[in-house]
Amino acid sequence: QVQLVESGGGLVQAGGSLRLSCLASGSIFGINAMGWYRQAPGKARELVATISSSGTTTYADSVRGRFTISRDNAKRTLFLQMNSLKPEDTAMYYCASKRGLNYDYWGQGTQVTVSS
């Protein structure tokens, strides 16, 4: 079992920044990638960014150049630095971990609200 706990969400004005954190605990050995997802009301869940065990990162087109995913292995923490936030970034943000092909553990989410 892997436990993931997100923090750092909040209310911010458009153009502002937030930094999300995700603390991992439990059986984290063997995790080969972690990612951030988001879901806005009435919309499908969207994969925002991923980072592999080797440090390779990917981003959704909608956030590339504005968001940065990173991790601190010693602190077992995943980060998402979000800059130049837009109202359309408003969503619940979740971190997730993957051992095999699919993300199989999820946090409870942290709300990000961007006002115009």
C-alpha atoms as a PDB file:
ATOM      1  CA  GLN A   1       0.000   0.000   0.000  1.00  0.00           C
ATOM      2  CA  VAL A   2       1.096   3.505  -0.813  1.00  0.00           C
ATOM      3  CA  GLN A   3      -0.325   6.545   0.918  1.00  0.00           C
ATOM      4  CA  LEU A   4      -0.241   9.901  -0.870  1.00  0.00           C
ATOM      5  CA  VAL A   5      -1.163  13.172   0.805  1.00  0.00           C
ATOM      6  CA  GLU A   6      -1.393  16.386  -1.201  1.00  0.00           C
ATOM      7  CA  SER A   7      -1.135  19.922   0.130  1.00  0.00           C
ATOM      8  CA  GLY A   8      -0.595  23.441  -1.103  1.00  0.00           C
ATOM      9  CA  GLY A   9      -3.817  24.191  -2.900  1.00  0.00           C
ATOM     10  CA  GLY A  10      -5.753  27.384  -2.380  1.00  0.00           C
ATOM     11  CA  LEU A  11      -7.279  30.481  -3.919  1.00  0.00           C
ATOM     12  CA  VAL A  12      -5.078  32.640  -6.122  1.00  0.00           C
ATOM     13  CA  GLN A  13      -5.621  35.413  -8.640  1.00  0.00           C
ATOM     14  CA  ALA A  14      -4.970  34.861 -12.315  1.00  0.00           C
ATOM     15  CA  GLY A  15      -1.279  35.254 -13.055  1.00  0.00           C
ATOM     16  CA  GLY A  16      -0.311  34.043  -9.615  1.00  0.00           C
ATOM     17  CA  SER A  17       1.573  30.947  -8.497  1.00  0.00           C
ATOM     18  CA  LEU A  18       1.067  27.968  -6.244  1.00  0.00           C
ATOM     19  CA  ARG A  19       3.251  25.039  -5.303  1.00  0.00           C
ATOM     20  CA  LEU A  20       1.598  21.707  -4.646  1.00  0.00           C
ATOM     21  CA  SER A  21       3.252  18.970  -2.610  1.00  0.00           C
ATOM     22  CA  CYS A  22       2.534  15.265  -2.320  1.00  0.00           C
ATOM     23  CA  LEU A  23       4.065  13.242   0.505  1.00  0.00           C
ATOM     24  CA  ALA A  24       4.387   9.511  -0.164  1.00  0.00           C
ATOM     25  CA  SER A  25       4.546   6.844   2.527  1.00  0.00           C
ATOM     26  CA  GLY A  26       4.080   3.105   2.864  1.00  0.00           C
ATOM     27  CA  SER A  27       5.414   0.616   0.318  1.00  0.00           C
ATOM     28  CA  ILE A  28       6.996   3.122  -2.055  1.00  0.00           C
ATOM     29  CA  PHE A  29       9.689   0.707  -3.286  1.00  0.00           C
ATOM     30  CA  GLY A  30       9.183  -0.084  -6.934  1.00  0.00           C
ATOM     31  CA  ILE A  31       7.303   3.063  -7.901  1.00  0.00           C
ATOM     32  CA  ASN A  32       8.451   3.830 -11.443  1.00  0.00           C
ATOM     33  CA  ALA A  33       6.595   7.062 -12.046  1.00  0.00           C
ATOM     34  CA  MET A  34       4.469   9.676 -10.338  1.00  0.00           C
ATOM     35  CA  GLY A  35       2.094  12.181 -11.755  1.00  0.00           C
ATOM     36  CA  TRP A  36      -0.337  14.999 -11.150  1.00  0.00           C
ATOM     37  CA  TYR A  37      -3.889  14.800 -12.417  1.00  0.00           C
ATOM     38  CA  ARG A  38      -6.653  17.348 -12.165  1.00  0.00           C
ATOM     39  CA  GLN A  39     -10.412  17.283 -12.507  1.00  0.00           C
ATOM     40  CA  ALA A  40     -12.740  20.227 -12.791  1.00  0.00           C
ATOM     41  CA  PRO A  41     -16.491  19.916 -12.111  1.00  0.00           C
ATOM     42  CA  GLY A  42     -18.262  18.363 -15.063  1.00  0.00           C
ATOM     43  CA  LYS A  43     -15.020  17.622 -16.879  1.00  0.00           C
ATOM     44  CA  ALA A  44     -12.946  14.512 -17.435  1.00  0.00           C
ATOM     45  CA  ARG A  45      -9.856  13.878 -15.390  1.00  0.00           C
ATOM     46  CA  GLU A  46      -6.757  15.272 -17.080  1.00  0.00           C
ATOM     47  CA  LEU A  47      -3.170  14.132 -16.742  1.00  0.00           C
ATOM     48  CA  VAL A  48      -1.195  17.314 -16.045  1.00  0.00           C
ATOM     49  CA  ALA A  49       2.403  16.171 -15.585  1.00  0.00           C
ATOM     50  CA  THR A  50       4.462  13.071 -14.925  1.00  0.00           C
ATOM     51  CA  ILE A  51       7.965  12.276 -13.753  1.00  0.00           C
ATOM     52  CA  SER A  52       9.656   8.906 -14.148  1.00  0.00           C
ATOM     53  CA  SER A  53      12.118   7.216 -11.821  1.00  0.00           C
ATOM     54  CA  SER A  54      14.910   8.451 -14.104  1.00  0.00           C
ATOM     55  CA  GLY A  55      13.639  12.021 -13.927  1.00  0.00           C
ATOM     56  CA  THR A  56      12.041  12.242 -17.360  1.00  0.00           C
ATOM     57  CA  THR A  57       9.100  14.641 -17.310  1.00  0.00           C
ATOM     58  CA  THR A  58       6.021  15.078 -19.490  1.00  0.00           C
ATOM     59  CA  TYR A  59       3.392  17.794 -19.513  1.00  0.00           C
ATOM     60  CA  ALA A  60      -0.041  18.372 -20.928  1.00  0.00           C
ATOM     61  CA  ASP A  61      -0.033  20.964 -23.692  1.00  0.00           C
ATOM     62  CA  SER A  62      -2.295  23.172 -21.608  1.00  0.00           C
ATOM     63  CA  VAL A  63       0.338  23.598 -18.859  1.00  0.00           C
ATOM     64  CA  ARG A  64       3.662  23.209 -20.650  1.00  0.00           C
ATOM     65  CA  GLY A  65       5.894  26.195 -19.965  1.00  0.00           C
ATOM     66  CA  ARG A  66       3.883  27.216 -16.900  1.00  0.00           C
ATOM     67  CA  PHE A  67       3.994  24.164 -14.629  1.00  0.00           C
ATOM     68  CA  THR A  68       7.036  22.242 -13.420  1.00  0.00           C
ATOM     69  CA  ILE A  69       6.960  18.786 -11.846  1.00  0.00           C
ATOM     70  CA  SER A  70       9.808  17.738  -9.571  1.00  0.00           C
ATOM     71  CA  ARG A  71      10.539  15.455  -6.669  1.00  0.00           C
ATOM     72  CA  ASP A  72      12.723  15.162  -3.598  1.00  0.00           C
ATOM     73  CA  ASN A  73      13.441  11.461  -3.155  1.00  0.00           C
ATOM     74  CA  ALA A  74      15.014  11.916   0.268  1.00  0.00           C
ATOM     75  CA  LYS A  75      11.835  13.583   1.512  1.00  0.00           C
ATOM     76  CA  ARG A  76       9.580  11.265  -0.510  1.00  0.00           C
ATOM     77  CA  THR A  77       7.806  14.314  -1.839  1.00  0.00           C
ATOM     78  CA  LEU A  78       6.479  15.185  -5.269  1.00  0.00           C
ATOM     79  CA  PHE A  79       5.978  18.821  -6.253  1.00  0.00           C
ATOM     80  CA  LEU A  80       4.072  20.775  -8.853  1.00  0.00           C
ATOM     81  CA  GLN A  81       5.120  24.388  -9.278  1.00  0.00           C
ATOM     82  CA  MET A  82       2.345  26.260 -11.039  1.00  0.00           C
ATOM     83  CA  ASN A  83       3.047  29.711 -12.461  1.00  0.00           C
ATOM     84  CA  SER A  84       1.004  32.112 -14.575  1.00  0.00           C
ATOM     85  CA  LEU A  85      -2.159  30.463 -13.360  1.00  0.00           C
ATOM     86  CA  LYS A  86      -5.347  30.874 -15.359  1.00  0.00           C
ATOM     87  CA  PRO A  87      -9.000  30.515 -14.333  1.00  0.00           C
ATOM     88  CA  GLU A  88      -9.161  27.358 -16.465  1.00  0.00           C
ATOM     89  CA  ASP A  89      -6.571  25.771 -14.161  1.00  0.00           C
ATOM     90  CA  THR A  90      -9.228  25.663 -11.444  1.00  0.00           C
ATOM     91  CA  ALA A  91      -9.693  22.026 -10.431  1.00  0.00           C
ATOM     92  CA  MET A  92      -9.069  19.412  -7.789  1.00  0.00           C
ATOM     93  CA  TYR A  93      -5.463  18.275  -8.162  1.00  0.00           C
ATOM     94  CA  TYR A  94      -4.442  14.715  -7.339  1.00  0.00           C
ATOM     95  CA  CYS A  95      -1.066  13.022  -7.187  1.00  0.00           C
ATOM     96  CA  ALA A  96      -0.750   9.410  -8.221  1.00  0.00           C
ATOM     97  CA  SER A  97       1.905   6.706  -8.286  1.00  0.00           C
ATOM     98  CA  LYS A  98       2.576   3.898 -10.705  1.00  0.00           C
ATOM     99  CA  ARG A  99       4.439   0.609 -10.462  1.00  0.00           C
ATOM    100  CA  GLY A 100       3.311  -1.132 -13.615  1.00  0.00           C
ATOM    101  CA  LEU A 101       1.439   0.257 -16.567  1.00  0.00           C
ATOM    102  CA  ASN A 102      -1.245   2.155 -14.682  1.00  0.00           C
ATOM    103  CA  TYR A 103      -1.438   4.677 -11.866  1.00  0.00           C
ATOM    104  CA  ASP A 104      -2.750   2.608  -8.978  1.00  0.00           C
ATOM    105  CA  TYR A 105      -2.533   4.806  -5.882  1.00  0.00           C
ATOM    106  CA  TRP A 106      -4.084   8.237  -5.494  1.00  0.00           C
ATOM    107  CA  GLY A 107      -4.161  10.992  -2.951  1.00  0.00           C
ATOM    108  CA  GLN A 108      -7.305  12.664  -1.662  1.00  0.00           C
ATOM    109  CA  GLY A 109      -6.737  15.796  -3.724  1.00  0.00           C
ATOM    110  CA  THR A 110      -6.128  19.473  -3.059  1.00  0.00           C
ATOM    111  CA  GLN A 111      -8.340  22.217  -4.472  1.00  0.00           C
ATOM    112  CA  VAL A 112      -6.872  24.944  -6.668  1.00  0.00           C
ATOM    113  CA  THR A 113      -9.088  27.908  -7.483  1.00  0.00           C
ATOM    114  CA  VAL A 114      -7.912  30.691  -9.778  1.00  0.00           C
ATOM    115  CA  SER A 115      -9.986  33.863  -9.825  1.00  0.00           C
ATOM    116  CA  SER A 116     -10.130  36.144 -12.850  1.00  0.00           C
END
